[in-house]
Amino acid sequence: MTNWTVQTSPLYAVIQTPDEEPAQQIILFLHGWTGDENSMQIFSQVAPPSSVKIFLRGHLPAPTGFGWAPPRQGVWIDMDKFKPASGLILQTLEHIRKKFPEMVQKPIVPIGFSQGGAMALALLYYYPEENFSKPPCYPGFFQRFRFLMFPSPTNPYFSAMEQKMKLSRWKWQEKV
């Protein structure tokens, strides 16, 4: 696995390219509110080794990290709040494709947790013409999609997501 870092204004990306060629797909990892490009590393452990892995950092500062849409106290975030970040992600993908032309025709699987899950769904909503696959996600930021997860629970991403949620609960309990 080869690591690259790419700074595109204002998104920062860490890209891992597979040692075996050619890559079969691009997996786009989208963290939740207060996360960063490292938050989704747990999910990469179950990703196919022939995948290009892109870890993005949200463009909005959050108390202990970054986010994709501004939070609203006690109110669900509307899909339109994710549109600016959707455009920034698409610009970042275009920038990455220029640096790595072999990625141009590869399918993109956006994977997100919490606000990152909502961001994954927003990408599909705003850019249906892009080569996005249905994402495995837990978009806790959209009320009607709150418990949506496209793949079956036997999918390895689901297990990684469960592990992430248990770890989050454990960290929260440790603080209390």
N, C-alpha and C. Protein backbone atom coordinates (compact mmCIF):
# COMPACT_ATOMS: atom_id res chain seq x y z
N MET A 1 0.84 -1.17 0.00
CA MET A 1 0.00 0.00 0.00
C MET A 1 0.89 1.24 0.00
N THR A 2 0.65 2.15 -0.91
CA THR A 2 1.40 3.39 -0.99
C THR A 2 0.51 4.54 -0.52
N ASN A 3 1.02 5.40 0.35
CA ASN A 3 0.26 6.54 0.86
C ASN A 3 0.66 7.82 0.14
N TRP A 4 -0.34 8.62 -0.20
CA TRP A 4 -0.15 9.94 -0.78
C TRP A 4 -1.01 10.92 0.01
N THR A 5 -0.56 12.15 0.16
CA THR A 5 -1.41 13.19 0.74
C THR A 5 -1.60 14.27 -0.32
N VAL A 6 -2.83 14.73 -0.44
CA VAL A 6 -3.17 15.72 -1.46
C VAL A 6 -3.93 16.85 -0.77
N GLN A 7 -3.44 18.08 -0.94
CA GLN A 7 -4.15 19.24 -0.41
C GLN A 7 -4.85 19.94 -1.56
N THR A 8 -6.16 19.94 -1.53
CA THR A 8 -6.93 20.71 -2.49
C THR A 8 -7.78 21.65 -1.68
N SER A 9 -7.80 22.89 -2.05
CA SER A 9 -8.50 23.87 -1.25
C SER A 9 -10.00 23.63 -1.27
N PRO A 10 -10.64 23.49 -0.14
CA PRO A 10 -10.09 23.42 1.22
C PRO A 10 -10.01 22.00 1.77
N LEU A 11 -10.17 20.96 0.95
CA LEU A 11 -10.17 19.58 1.46
C LEU A 11 -8.79 18.96 1.43
N TYR A 12 -8.51 18.22 2.47
CA TYR A 12 -7.27 17.49 2.62
C TYR A 12 -7.60 16.01 2.45
N ALA A 13 -6.76 15.29 1.73
CA ALA A 13 -7.02 13.88 1.46
C ALA A 13 -5.77 13.05 1.70
N VAL A 14 -5.97 11.87 2.24
CA VAL A 14 -4.93 10.85 2.31
C VAL A 14 -5.38 9.75 1.37
N ILE A 15 -4.50 9.36 0.46
CA ILE A 15 -4.84 8.36 -0.55
C ILE A 15 -3.92 7.16 -0.38
N GLN A 16 -4.51 5.99 -0.34
CA GLN A 16 -3.73 4.75 -0.29
C GLN A 16 -3.99 4.00 -1.59
N THR A 17 -2.93 3.74 -2.33
CA THR A 17 -3.08 2.99 -3.58
C THR A 17 -2.61 1.55 -3.34
N PRO A 18 -3.27 0.59 -3.96
CA PRO A 18 -2.90 -0.81 -3.72
C PRO A 18 -1.57 -1.16 -4.37
N ASP A 19 -0.90 -2.12 -3.76
CA ASP A 19 0.36 -2.60 -4.34
C ASP A 19 0.09 -3.40 -5.60
N GLU A 20 -1.03 -4.14 -5.60
CA GLU A 20 -1.37 -4.91 -6.80
C GLU A 20 -2.10 -4.00 -7.79
N GLU A 21 -1.82 -4.17 -9.02
CA GLU A 21 -2.44 -3.34 -10.06
C GLU A 21 -3.34 -4.20 -10.92
N PRO A 22 -4.33 -3.72 -11.55
CA PRO A 22 -4.88 -2.38 -11.38
C PRO A 22 -5.92 -2.35 -10.26
N ALA A 23 -6.18 -1.17 -9.75
CA ALA A 23 -7.21 -1.00 -8.72
C ALA A 23 -8.57 -1.26 -9.33
N GLN A 24 -9.44 -1.90 -8.57
CA GLN A 24 -10.77 -2.26 -9.06
C GLN A 24 -11.81 -1.18 -8.76
N GLN A 25 -11.64 -0.46 -7.65
CA GLN A 25 -12.61 0.54 -7.24
C GLN A 25 -11.93 1.57 -6.35
N ILE A 26 -12.63 2.67 -6.12
CA ILE A 26 -12.18 3.70 -5.20
C ILE A 26 -13.15 3.70 -4.02
N ILE A 27 -12.60 3.64 -2.82
CA ILE A 27 -13.44 3.73 -1.63
C ILE A 27 -13.17 5.09 -1.00
N LEU A 28 -14.23 5.86 -0.85
CA LEU A 28 -14.15 7.21 -0.32
C LEU A 28 -14.64 7.18 1.13
N PHE A 29 -13.76 7.37 2.08
CA PHE A 29 -14.10 7.30 3.49
C PHE A 29 -14.45 8.70 4.01
N LEU A 30 -15.66 8.83 4.58
CA LEU A 30 -16.19 10.12 5.04
C LEU A 30 -16.48 10.04 6.55
N HIS A 31 -15.74 10.78 7.32
CA HIS A 31 -15.88 10.74 8.78
C HIS A 31 -17.12 11.49 9.25
N GLY A 32 -17.44 11.29 10.52
CA GLY A 32 -18.57 11.98 11.14
C GLY A 32 -18.16 13.33 11.73
N TRP A 33 -19.15 14.00 12.34
CA TRP A 33 -18.92 15.29 12.99
C TRP A 33 -17.85 15.12 14.07
N THR A 34 -16.89 15.99 14.13
CA THR A 34 -15.72 16.02 15.02
C THR A 34 -14.65 14.99 14.65
N GLY A 35 -14.77 14.35 13.49
CA GLY A 35 -13.74 13.40 13.05
C GLY A 35 -12.72 14.07 12.16
N ASP A 36 -11.87 13.25 11.57
CA ASP A 36 -10.92 13.72 10.57
C ASP A 36 -10.55 12.55 9.67
N GLU A 37 -9.56 12.73 8.82
CA GLU A 37 -9.20 11.70 7.84
C GLU A 37 -8.71 10.41 8.49
N ASN A 38 -8.35 10.45 9.76
CA ASN A 38 -7.89 9.25 10.46
C ASN A 38 -9.02 8.46 11.11
N SER A 39 -10.17 9.10 11.29
CA SER A 39 -11.29 8.48 12.02
C SER A 39 -11.82 7.22 11.35
N MET A 40 -11.70 7.13 10.05
CA MET A 40 -12.30 6.02 9.31
C MET A 40 -11.30 4.90 9.00
N GLN A 41 -10.12 4.94 9.58
CA GLN A 41 -9.10 3.92 9.32
C GLN A 41 -9.59 2.52 9.69
N ILE A 42 -10.44 2.41 10.70
CA ILE A 42 -10.93 1.09 11.12
C ILE A 42 -11.67 0.39 9.98
N PHE A 43 -12.36 1.17 9.14
CA PHE A 43 -13.11 0.60 8.03
C PHE A 43 -12.19 0.11 6.91
N SER A 44 -11.03 0.73 6.79
CA SER A 44 -10.12 0.33 5.70
C SER A 44 -9.56 -1.07 5.92
N GLN A 45 -9.59 -1.54 7.15
CA GLN A 45 -9.06 -2.87 7.45
C GLN A 45 -9.85 -3.98 6.77
N VAL A 46 -11.12 -3.72 6.45
CA VAL A 46 -11.94 -4.75 5.81
C VAL A 46 -12.19 -4.44 4.33
N ALA A 47 -11.55 -3.41 3.83
CA ALA A 47 -11.71 -3.06 2.42
C ALA A 47 -10.94 -4.03 1.53
N PRO A 48 -11.44 -4.29 0.32
CA PRO A 48 -10.70 -5.16 -0.58
C PRO A 48 -9.30 -4.61 -0.85
N PRO A 49 -8.28 -5.45 -0.85
CA PRO A 49 -6.92 -4.97 -1.04
C PRO A 49 -6.68 -4.34 -2.41
N SER A 50 -7.54 -4.62 -3.37
CA SER A 50 -7.36 -4.05 -4.71
C SER A 50 -8.03 -2.68 -4.86
N SER A 51 -8.40 -2.06 -3.74
CA SER A 51 -9.09 -0.77 -3.78
C SER A 51 -8.14 0.39 -3.53
N VAL A 52 -8.43 1.51 -4.18
CA VAL A 52 -7.80 2.77 -3.82
C VAL A 52 -8.64 3.30 -2.67
N LYS A 53 -7.99 3.73 -1.60
CA LYS A 53 -8.71 4.24 -0.43
C LYS A 53 -8.41 5.73 -0.30
N ILE A 54 -9.49 6.52 -0.25
CA ILE A 54 -9.34 7.97 -0.10
C ILE A 54 -10.01 8.37 1.21
N PHE A 55 -9.23 8.99 2.09
CA PHE A 55 -9.73 9.48 3.38
C PHE A 55 -9.75 10.99 3.31
N LEU A 56 -10.95 11.58 3.38
CA LEU A 56 -11.08 13.03 3.30
C LEU A 56 -11.27 13.65 4.68
N ARG A 57 -10.86 14.90 4.80
CA ARG A 57 -11.10 15.69 6.00
C ARG A 57 -12.18 16.72 5.68
N GLY A 58 -13.21 16.80 6.50
CA GLY A 58 -14.27 17.78 6.30
C GLY A 58 -13.74 19.20 6.29
N HIS A 59 -14.48 20.10 5.67
CA HIS A 59 -14.01 21.48 5.51
C HIS A 59 -14.42 22.41 6.64
N LEU A 60 -15.34 21.97 7.50
CA LEU A 60 -15.79 22.83 8.59
C LEU A 60 -15.11 22.46 9.90
N PRO A 61 -14.59 23.44 10.63
CA PRO A 61 -14.01 23.12 11.94
C PRO A 61 -15.11 22.70 12.92
N ALA A 62 -14.81 21.72 13.73
CA ALA A 62 -15.71 21.23 14.78
C ALA A 62 -14.95 21.31 16.10
N PRO A 63 -15.61 21.10 17.23
CA PRO A 63 -14.92 21.25 18.52
C PRO A 63 -13.61 20.45 18.64
N THR A 64 -13.60 19.21 18.16
CA THR A 64 -12.37 18.41 18.27
C THR A 64 -11.96 17.81 16.94
N GLY A 65 -12.38 18.37 15.84
CA GLY A 65 -12.05 17.83 14.52
C GLY A 65 -12.72 18.66 13.45
N PHE A 66 -13.42 17.96 12.54
CA PHE A 66 -14.01 18.61 11.37
C PHE A 66 -15.39 18.04 11.08
N GLY A 67 -16.11 18.68 10.19
CA GLY A 67 -17.42 18.22 9.79
C GLY A 67 -17.74 18.59 8.36
N TRP A 68 -18.90 18.14 7.89
CA TRP A 68 -19.34 18.36 6.51
C TRP A 68 -20.47 19.38 6.39
N ALA A 69 -21.26 19.52 7.43
CA ALA A 69 -22.38 20.46 7.45
C ALA A 69 -22.48 21.04 8.86
N PRO A 70 -22.89 22.30 8.96
CA PRO A 70 -22.98 22.89 10.31
C PRO A 70 -24.07 22.22 11.13
N PRO A 71 -23.79 21.90 12.38
CA PRO A 71 -24.82 21.28 13.22
C PRO A 71 -25.88 22.29 13.59
N ARG A 72 -27.07 21.78 13.86
CA ARG A 72 -28.17 22.64 14.32
C ARG A 72 -28.66 22.06 15.62
N GLN A 73 -28.69 22.87 16.64
CA GLN A 73 -29.07 22.41 17.98
C GLN A 73 -30.48 21.87 18.00
N GLY A 74 -30.64 20.58 18.30
CA GLY A 74 -31.95 19.98 18.48
C GLY A 74 -32.79 19.82 17.23
N VAL A 75 -32.22 20.09 16.05
CA VAL A 75 -32.97 20.00 14.80
C VAL A 75 -32.16 19.15 13.82
N TRP A 76 -32.86 18.29 13.08
CA TRP A 76 -32.18 17.48 12.07
C TRP A 76 -31.63 18.37 10.96
N ILE A 77 -30.50 18.02 10.43
CA ILE A 77 -29.90 18.79 9.34
C ILE A 77 -30.60 18.44 8.04
N ASP A 78 -30.92 19.43 7.24
CA ASP A 78 -31.54 19.22 5.94
C ASP A 78 -30.49 18.83 4.91
N MET A 79 -30.93 18.09 3.89
CA MET A 79 -30.04 17.65 2.83
C MET A 79 -29.30 18.83 2.18
N ASP A 80 -29.97 19.96 2.04
CA ASP A 80 -29.35 21.10 1.35
C ASP A 80 -28.12 21.63 2.07
N LYS A 81 -27.99 21.35 3.36
CA LYS A 81 -26.80 21.80 4.11
C LYS A 81 -25.55 21.02 3.69
N PHE A 82 -25.74 19.88 3.03
CA PHE A 82 -24.62 19.06 2.58
C PHE A 82 -24.19 19.39 1.15
N LYS A 83 -24.96 20.23 0.46
CA LYS A 83 -24.65 20.54 -0.93
C LYS A 83 -23.28 21.21 -1.10
N PRO A 84 -22.92 22.21 -0.29
CA PRO A 84 -21.58 22.81 -0.46
C PRO A 84 -20.45 21.79 -0.33
N ALA A 85 -20.54 20.93 0.69
CA ALA A 85 -19.49 19.91 0.87
C ALA A 85 -19.49 18.91 -0.27
N SER A 86 -20.69 18.59 -0.81
CA SER A 86 -20.76 17.67 -1.96
C SER A 86 -19.95 18.21 -3.13
N GLY A 87 -20.12 19.51 -3.39
CA GLY A 87 -19.37 20.14 -4.48
C GLY A 87 -17.87 20.12 -4.22
N LEU A 88 -17.47 20.36 -2.97
CA LEU A 88 -16.04 20.34 -2.62
C LEU A 88 -15.46 18.94 -2.78
N ILE A 89 -16.24 17.93 -2.40
CA ILE A 89 -15.77 16.56 -2.55
C ILE A 89 -15.60 16.22 -4.03
N LEU A 90 -16.56 16.62 -4.84
CA LEU A 90 -16.46 16.36 -6.28
C LEU A 90 -15.23 17.06 -6.88
N GLN A 91 -14.99 18.31 -6.48
CA GLN A 91 -13.80 19.02 -6.95
C GLN A 91 -12.52 18.30 -6.52
N THR A 92 -12.52 17.80 -5.30
CA THR A 92 -11.36 17.07 -4.79
C THR A 92 -11.14 15.79 -5.60
N LEU A 93 -12.23 15.07 -5.89
CA LEU A 93 -12.11 13.85 -6.71
C LEU A 93 -11.58 14.17 -8.10
N GLU A 94 -12.03 15.28 -8.69
CA GLU A 94 -11.52 15.69 -10.00
C GLU A 94 -10.03 16.00 -9.93
N HIS A 95 -9.61 16.68 -8.88
CA HIS A 95 -8.19 16.98 -8.68
C HIS A 95 -7.37 15.70 -8.54
N ILE A 96 -7.88 14.75 -7.75
CA ILE A 96 -7.19 13.47 -7.56
C ILE A 96 -7.12 12.70 -8.87
N ARG A 97 -8.20 12.72 -9.65
CA ARG A 97 -8.21 12.01 -10.93
C ARG A 97 -7.19 12.59 -11.90
N LYS A 98 -6.93 13.88 -11.82
CA LYS A 98 -5.90 14.49 -12.67
C LYS A 98 -4.51 14.00 -12.28
N LYS A 99 -4.29 13.84 -10.98
CA LYS A 99 -2.99 13.34 -10.50
C LYS A 99 -2.83 11.85 -10.75
N PHE A 100 -3.96 11.12 -10.72
CA PHE A 100 -3.95 9.67 -10.88
C PHE A 100 -4.93 9.31 -12.00
N PRO A 101 -4.57 9.49 -13.26
CA PRO A 101 -5.51 9.28 -14.37
C PRO A 101 -6.09 7.86 -14.43
N GLU A 102 -5.41 6.89 -13.86
CA GLU A 102 -5.92 5.52 -13.87
C GLU A 102 -7.19 5.38 -13.03
N MET A 103 -7.53 6.40 -12.24
CA MET A 103 -8.72 6.35 -11.40
C MET A 103 -9.97 6.90 -12.08
N VAL A 104 -9.83 7.44 -13.27
CA VAL A 104 -10.94 8.14 -13.91
C VAL A 104 -12.19 7.29 -14.07
N GLN A 105 -12.09 6.08 -14.55
CA GLN A 105 -13.28 5.26 -14.83
C GLN A 105 -13.66 4.29 -13.71
N LYS A 106 -12.97 4.36 -12.59
CA LYS A 106 -13.24 3.41 -11.50
C LYS A 106 -14.51 3.79 -10.74
N PRO A 107 -15.31 2.79 -10.33
CA PRO A 107 -16.48 3.10 -9.50
C PRO A 107 -16.02 3.62 -8.13
N ILE A 108 -16.82 4.51 -7.57
CA ILE A 108 -16.50 5.11 -6.27
C ILE A 108 -17.54 4.63 -5.25
N VAL A 109 -17.05 4.09 -4.15
CA VAL A 109 -17.93 3.64 -3.07
C VAL A 109 -17.73 4.61 -1.90
N PRO A 110 -18.69 5.54 -1.69
CA PRO A 110 -18.56 6.42 -0.52
C PRO A 110 -19.02 5.69 0.73
N ILE A 111 -18.19 5.68 1.76
CA ILE A 111 -18.51 5.01 3.01
C ILE A 111 -18.49 6.07 4.10
N GLY A 112 -19.59 6.15 4.86
CA GLY A 112 -19.64 7.17 5.89
C GLY A 112 -20.31 6.70 7.15
N PHE A 113 -19.94 7.35 8.23
CA PHE A 113 -20.50 7.07 9.54
C PHE A 113 -21.04 8.38 10.11
N SER A 114 -22.27 8.34 10.63
CA SER A 114 -22.91 9.50 11.24
C SER A 114 -23.01 10.62 10.21
N GLN A 115 -22.41 11.78 10.47
CA GLN A 115 -22.51 12.87 9.49
C GLN A 115 -21.83 12.48 8.18
N GLY A 116 -20.83 11.63 8.23
CA GLY A 116 -20.20 11.13 7.01
C GLY A 116 -21.13 10.23 6.22
N GLY A 117 -22.02 9.48 6.91
CA GLY A 117 -23.04 8.67 6.23
C GLY A 117 -24.03 9.55 5.51
N ALA A 118 -24.43 10.64 6.17
CA ALA A 118 -25.33 11.60 5.53
C ALA A 118 -24.64 12.23 4.33
N MET A 119 -23.34 12.50 4.45
CA MET A 119 -22.58 13.07 3.34
C MET A 119 -22.54 12.10 2.16
N ALA A 120 -22.38 10.81 2.45
CA ALA A 120 -22.36 9.79 1.38
C ALA A 120 -23.68 9.79 0.62
N LEU A 121 -24.80 9.86 1.36
CA LEU A 121 -26.10 9.89 0.71
C LEU A 121 -26.30 11.18 -0.09
N ALA A 122 -25.79 12.29 0.42
CA ALA A 122 -25.89 13.57 -0.30
C ALA A 122 -25.14 13.51 -1.62
N LEU A 123 -24.00 12.84 -1.64
CA LEU A 123 -23.25 12.70 -2.90
C LEU A 123 -24.09 11.97 -3.94
N LEU A 124 -24.75 10.89 -3.54
CA LEU A 124 -25.60 10.16 -4.47
C LEU A 124 -26.78 11.00 -4.92
N TYR A 125 -27.32 11.80 -4.02
CA TYR A 125 -28.48 12.63 -4.32
C TYR A 125 -28.12 13.76 -5.29
N TYR A 126 -27.03 14.47 -5.00
CA TYR A 126 -26.68 15.64 -5.81
C TYR A 126 -25.94 15.30 -7.10
N TYR A 127 -25.28 14.15 -7.14
CA TYR A 127 -24.50 13.79 -8.32
C TYR A 127 -24.84 12.38 -8.82
N PRO A 128 -26.08 12.15 -9.24
CA PRO A 128 -26.46 10.81 -9.70
C PRO A 128 -25.72 10.38 -10.96
N GLU A 129 -25.18 11.33 -11.70
CA GLU A 129 -24.46 11.00 -12.93
C GLU A 129 -23.05 10.50 -12.67
N GLU A 130 -22.55 10.70 -11.46
CA GLU A 130 -21.21 10.21 -11.12
C GLU A 130 -21.24 8.70 -10.95
N ASN A 131 -20.09 8.11 -10.95
CA ASN A 131 -19.95 6.66 -10.87
C ASN A 131 -19.91 6.21 -9.40
N PHE A 132 -20.92 6.65 -8.60
CA PHE A 132 -20.99 6.27 -7.20
C PHE A 132 -21.79 4.99 -7.04
N SER A 133 -21.32 4.12 -6.16
CA SER A 133 -22.06 2.91 -5.79
C SER A 133 -22.90 3.22 -4.56
N LYS A 134 -23.88 2.35 -4.28
CA LYS A 134 -24.65 2.52 -3.04
C LYS A 134 -23.68 2.38 -1.87
N PRO A 135 -23.72 3.35 -0.97
CA PRO A 135 -22.73 3.29 0.11
C PRO A 135 -23.19 2.51 1.33
N PRO A 136 -22.27 1.79 1.97
CA PRO A 136 -22.58 1.28 3.30
C PRO A 136 -22.43 2.46 4.25
N CYS A 137 -23.48 2.82 4.94
CA CYS A 137 -23.38 3.99 5.80
C CYS A 137 -24.37 3.93 6.94
N TYR A 138 -24.08 4.69 7.96
CA TYR A 138 -24.99 4.90 9.07
C TYR A 138 -25.19 6.41 9.16
N PRO A 139 -26.19 6.94 8.43
CA PRO A 139 -26.37 8.39 8.38
C PRO A 139 -27.26 8.90 9.50
N GLY A 140 -26.76 8.96 10.70
CA GLY A 140 -27.56 9.39 11.83
C GLY A 140 -28.01 10.84 11.77
N PHE A 141 -27.60 11.59 10.76
CA PHE A 141 -27.95 13.00 10.68
C PHE A 141 -29.21 13.29 9.87
N PHE A 142 -29.80 12.29 9.20
CA PHE A 142 -31.04 12.49 8.47
C PHE A 142 -32.12 11.69 9.17
N GLN A 143 -33.18 12.33 9.61
CA GLN A 143 -34.19 11.65 10.38
C GLN A 143 -34.81 10.47 9.63
N ARG A 144 -35.19 10.65 8.37
CA ARG A 144 -35.88 9.56 7.67
C ARG A 144 -34.94 8.42 7.29
N PHE A 145 -33.63 8.69 7.22
CA PHE A 145 -32.67 7.64 6.88
C PHE A 145 -31.86 7.22 8.10
N ARG A 146 -32.35 7.49 9.28
CA ARG A 146 -31.54 7.34 10.47
C ARG A 146 -30.87 5.97 10.62
N PHE A 147 -31.56 4.90 10.29
CA PHE A 147 -30.98 3.58 10.48
C PHE A 147 -30.74 2.86 9.16
N LEU A 148 -30.55 3.60 8.12
CA LEU A 148 -30.35 3.02 6.79
C LEU A 148 -28.94 2.47 6.65
N MET A 149 -28.85 1.27 6.17
CA MET A 149 -27.57 0.66 5.85
C MET A 149 -27.83 -0.20 4.63
N PHE A 150 -27.24 0.14 3.50
CA PHE A 150 -27.56 -0.57 2.27
C PHE A 150 -27.15 -2.04 2.27
N PRO A 151 -25.93 -2.38 2.63
CA PRO A 151 -25.56 -3.80 2.56
C PRO A 151 -26.16 -4.59 3.73
N SER A 152 -26.06 -5.87 3.63
CA SER A 152 -26.60 -6.72 4.69
C SER A 152 -25.67 -6.69 5.91
N PRO A 153 -26.18 -7.06 7.08
CA PRO A 153 -25.35 -7.07 8.28
C PRO A 153 -24.16 -8.03 8.21
N THR A 154 -24.13 -8.92 7.24
CA THR A 154 -22.98 -9.81 7.10
C THR A 154 -21.84 -9.12 6.36
N ASN A 155 -22.09 -7.94 5.83
CA ASN A 155 -21.05 -7.19 5.14
C ASN A 155 -19.96 -6.79 6.14
N PRO A 156 -18.68 -6.91 5.76
CA PRO A 156 -17.61 -6.59 6.71
C PRO A 156 -17.62 -5.14 7.16
N TYR A 157 -18.12 -4.22 6.34
CA TYR A 157 -18.18 -2.81 6.76
C TYR A 157 -19.15 -2.64 7.92
N PHE A 158 -20.23 -3.42 7.91
CA PHE A 158 -21.21 -3.37 8.99
C PHE A 158 -20.54 -3.74 10.30
N SER A 159 -19.74 -4.79 10.29
CA SER A 159 -19.03 -5.23 11.49
C SER A 159 -18.07 -4.15 11.97
N ALA A 160 -17.36 -3.53 11.04
CA ALA A 160 -16.44 -2.46 11.40
C ALA A 160 -17.20 -1.28 11.98
N MET A 161 -18.39 -1.00 11.43
CA MET A 161 -19.21 0.09 11.92
C MET A 161 -19.69 -0.20 13.34
N GLU A 162 -20.11 -1.45 13.59
CA GLU A 162 -20.52 -1.84 14.93
C GLU A 162 -19.36 -1.66 15.91
N GLN A 163 -18.18 -2.06 15.49
CA GLN A 163 -16.99 -1.92 16.33
C GLN A 163 -16.73 -0.45 16.63
N LYS A 164 -16.88 0.41 15.63
CA LYS A 164 -16.68 1.84 15.80
C LYS A 164 -17.71 2.40 16.78
N MET A 165 -18.98 1.98 16.66
CA MET A 165 -20.01 2.49 17.57
C MET A 165 -19.73 2.04 19.00
N LYS A 166 -19.30 0.80 19.20
CA LYS A 166 -18.98 0.31 20.54
C LYS A 166 -17.81 1.10 21.11
N LEU A 167 -16.82 1.38 20.29
CA LEU A 167 -15.66 2.14 20.73
C LEU A 167 -16.10 3.56 21.12
N SER A 168 -16.99 4.17 20.34
CA SER A 168 -17.49 5.51 20.65
C SER A 168 -18.24 5.51 21.97
N ARG A 169 -19.11 4.49 22.18
CA ARG A 169 -19.86 4.39 23.43
C ARG A 169 -18.91 4.21 24.61
N TRP A 170 -17.87 3.39 24.42
CA TRP A 170 -16.90 3.13 25.47
C TRP A 170 -16.17 4.42 25.82
N LYS A 171 -15.75 5.19 24.83
CA LYS A 171 -15.04 6.45 25.08
C LYS A 171 -15.96 7.44 25.80
N TRP A 172 -17.23 7.47 25.41
CA TRP A 172 -18.19 8.37 26.04
C TRP A 172 -18.38 7.99 27.49
N GLN A 173 -18.54 6.69 27.78
CA GLN A 173 -18.74 6.23 29.14
C GLN A 173 -17.51 6.50 29.99
N GLU A 174 -16.33 6.41 29.38
CA GLU A 174 -15.10 6.66 30.09
C GLU A 174 -15.02 8.12 30.57
N LYS A 175 -15.60 9.05 29.79
CA LYS A 175 -15.58 10.47 30.14
C LYS A 175 -16.56 10.81 31.25
N VAL A 176 -17.64 10.01 31.37
CA VAL A 176 -18.71 10.34 32.34
C VAL A 176 -18.30 10.00 33.75
